[in-house]
């Protein structure tokens, strides 16, 4: 039957799905590279070089994003046994600082590696730091926004399911 055949071919479908997902996600970094090319008037990369860089950046993004999730969510696990408010504040502050640092590394990679020209650290760190802080502010305030501004049933579902 079709269900048995699907179960037998599920491994190859998963691999195909992952490849298509990585290629689809890499389009974001290819678009960013194209925008940098237009803004800074850099020469374009070849088709193969652009796509290899975009796929490598997807892998960098996945690794850094997983680390950001781990550092952001670990304080709530670590502080379960703590009774001192100062210790809890320190652990949460360390989680936020490490998340900002990882976001800084992510944006630094984007601003430093993606353009088709050698960029110096001196010219990229300010934008990376600003972007990292802005991302952390959005990540911290978005749950509050959803809770307070989405009074419809959709907002309640999102709040209960994801937050």
Protein backbone atom coordinates (compact mmCIF):
# COMPACT_ATOMS: atom_id res chain seq x y z
CA UNK A 1 0.00 0.00 0.00
CA UNK A 2 0.93 3.64 -0.27
CA UNK A 3 1.42 4.00 3.48
CA UNK A 4 3.91 1.11 3.54
CA UNK A 5 5.80 2.55 0.59
CA UNK A 6 5.91 5.97 2.29
CA UNK A 7 7.24 4.39 5.48
CA UNK A 8 9.97 2.63 3.50
CA UNK A 9 10.98 5.81 1.67
CA UNK A 10 10.66 8.15 4.67
CA UNK A 11 14.44 8.32 5.19
CA UNK A 12 15.07 9.57 1.67
CA UNK A 13 12.18 12.04 1.95
CA UNK A 14 13.63 13.45 5.17
CA UNK A 15 17.03 13.91 3.53
CA UNK A 16 15.39 15.56 0.52
CA UNK A 17 13.37 17.81 2.82
CA UNK A 18 16.47 18.91 4.72
CA UNK A 19 18.32 19.68 1.49
CA UNK A 20 15.38 21.70 0.16
CA UNK A 21 15.03 23.53 3.50
CA UNK A 22 18.73 24.46 3.57
CA UNK A 23 18.58 25.64 -0.03
CA UNK A 24 15.42 27.65 0.65
CA UNK A 25 16.91 29.22 3.77
CA UNK A 26 20.10 30.03 1.90
CA UNK A 27 18.08 32.32 -0.38
CA UNK A 28 17.96 34.83 2.51
CA UNK A 29 21.75 35.07 2.62
CA UNK A 30 21.95 35.16 -1.18
CA UNK A 31 19.53 38.09 -1.10
CA UNK A 32 21.56 39.83 1.63
CA UNK A 33 24.70 39.38 -0.47
CA UNK A 34 22.92 40.86 -3.48
CA UNK A 35 21.74 43.86 -1.43
CA UNK A 36 25.29 44.45 -0.15
CA UNK A 37 26.47 44.28 -3.76
CA UNK A 38 24.01 47.00 -4.75
CA UNK A 39 24.53 49.23 -1.71
CA UNK A 40 28.34 49.09 -1.60
CA UNK A 41 28.78 48.67 -5.39
CA UNK A 42 30.88 45.53 -4.97
CA UNK A 43 31.38 43.04 -7.79
CA UNK A 44 29.01 40.07 -7.74
CA UNK A 45 30.15 36.59 -6.81
CA UNK A 46 29.76 33.77 -9.25
CA UNK A 47 26.60 31.66 -9.01
CA UNK A 48 28.41 28.74 -7.36
CA UNK A 49 30.36 30.93 -4.90
CA UNK A 50 27.21 32.86 -3.92
CA UNK A 51 25.24 29.66 -3.25
CA UNK A 52 28.05 27.94 -1.35
CA UNK A 53 28.50 31.00 0.86
CA UNK A 54 24.74 31.21 1.42
CA UNK A 55 24.53 27.55 2.46
CA UNK A 56 27.54 27.93 4.76
CA UNK A 57 25.89 30.96 6.36
CA UNK A 58 22.71 28.93 6.94
CA UNK A 59 24.76 26.38 8.86
CA UNK A 60 26.47 29.15 10.85
CA UNK A 61 23.04 30.65 11.58
CA UNK A 62 21.63 27.30 12.75
CA UNK A 63 24.55 26.68 15.10
CA UNK A 64 24.53 30.19 16.59
CA UNK A 65 20.73 30.26 16.88
CA UNK A 66 20.70 26.94 18.75
CA UNK A 67 23.36 28.28 21.10
CA UNK A 68 21.27 31.45 21.60
CA UNK A 69 18.23 29.37 22.52
CA UNK A 70 20.30 27.33 24.97
CA UNK A 71 21.82 30.38 26.67
CA UNK A 72 18.49 32.21 26.83
CA UNK A 73 16.52 29.29 28.28
CA UNK A 74 19.19 27.89 30.61
CA UNK A 75 18.76 30.55 33.34
CA UNK A 76 15.21 29.39 34.06
CA UNK A 77 16.50 25.85 34.56
CA UNK A 78 19.51 26.91 36.63
CA UNK A 79 17.55 29.24 38.94
CA UNK A 80 14.89 26.72 39.97
CA UNK A 81 16.68 25.87 43.21
CA UNK A 82 17.91 29.39 43.98
CA UNK A 83 16.17 31.42 46.65
CA UNK A 84 18.42 34.47 46.64
CA UNK A 85 17.15 37.19 44.31
CA UNK A 86 20.63 38.50 43.63
CA UNK A 87 21.85 35.13 42.41
CA UNK A 88 18.83 34.78 40.14
CA UNK A 89 19.39 38.27 38.73
CA UNK A 90 23.04 37.40 38.06
CA UNK A 91 22.14 34.19 36.25
CA UNK A 92 19.49 35.92 34.12
CA UNK A 93 21.89 38.78 33.36
CA UNK A 94 24.55 36.28 32.29
CA UNK A 95 22.00 34.57 30.03
CA UNK A 96 21.04 37.86 28.40
CA UNK A 97 24.69 38.91 28.01
CA UNK A 98 25.63 35.59 26.41
CA UNK A 99 22.65 35.80 24.08
CA UNK A 100 23.68 39.33 23.04
CA UNK A 101 27.24 38.10 22.49
CA UNK A 102 26.06 35.24 20.27
CA UNK A 103 23.77 37.57 18.31
CA UNK A 104 26.75 39.92 17.94
CA UNK A 105 28.80 37.04 16.50
CA UNK A 106 25.96 36.18 14.10
CA UNK A 107 25.57 39.73 12.81
CA UNK A 108 29.34 40.18 12.68
CA UNK A 109 29.53 37.10 10.43
CA UNK A 110 26.81 38.54 8.22
CA UNK A 111 28.42 41.99 7.96
CA UNK A 112 31.97 40.69 7.70
CA UNK A 113 31.70 37.59 5.50
CA UNK A 114 28.68 38.08 3.24
CA UNK A 115 29.82 41.20 1.34
CA UNK A 116 32.10 40.39 -1.59
CA UNK A 117 34.90 42.55 -0.21
CA UNK A 118 37.23 42.32 2.76
CA UNK A 119 35.51 44.26 5.52
CA UNK A 120 37.46 45.32 8.58
CA UNK A 121 36.34 44.62 12.12
CA UNK A 122 36.50 48.34 12.75
CA UNK A 123 33.77 49.02 10.19
CA UNK A 124 31.45 46.16 11.12
CA UNK A 125 31.41 45.86 14.91
CA UNK A 126 29.17 48.87 15.58
CA UNK A 127 26.43 47.64 13.25
CA UNK A 128 26.73 44.13 14.63
CA UNK A 129 26.47 45.35 18.22
CA UNK A 130 23.47 47.57 17.46
CA UNK A 131 21.72 44.74 15.59
CA UNK A 132 22.43 42.27 18.41
CA UNK A 133 21.00 44.61 21.05
CA UNK A 134 17.96 45.36 18.90
CA UNK A 135 17.35 41.63 18.37
CA UNK A 136 17.61 40.94 22.11
CA UNK A 137 15.15 43.76 22.88
CA UNK A 138 12.66 42.31 20.39
CA UNK A 139 13.11 38.80 21.79
CA UNK A 140 12.57 40.03 25.34
CA UNK A 141 9.57 42.27 24.65
CA UNK A 142 7.69 40.19 22.06
CA UNK A 143 6.04 37.85 24.61
CA UNK A 144 4.77 40.88 26.53
CA UNK A 145 3.44 42.40 23.32
CA UNK A 146 1.59 39.21 22.42
CA UNK A 147 0.10 38.91 25.89
CA UNK A 148 -1.09 42.52 26.11
CA UNK A 149 -2.08 43.31 22.51
CA UNK A 150 -3.53 40.11 21.14
CA UNK A 151 -6.82 39.85 22.99
CA UNK A 152 -8.43 37.71 20.32
CA UNK A 153 -8.57 33.97 20.56
CA UNK A 154 -5.56 33.77 18.25
CA UNK A 155 -3.44 35.74 20.70
CA UNK A 156 -4.50 33.50 23.56
CA UNK A 157 -3.59 30.38 21.56
CA UNK A 158 -0.18 31.79 20.63
CA UNK A 159 0.47 32.82 24.23
CA UNK A 160 -0.43 29.42 25.68
CA UNK A 161 1.25 27.34 23.00
CA UNK A 162 4.56 29.15 22.52
CA UNK A 163 5.18 31.30 25.57
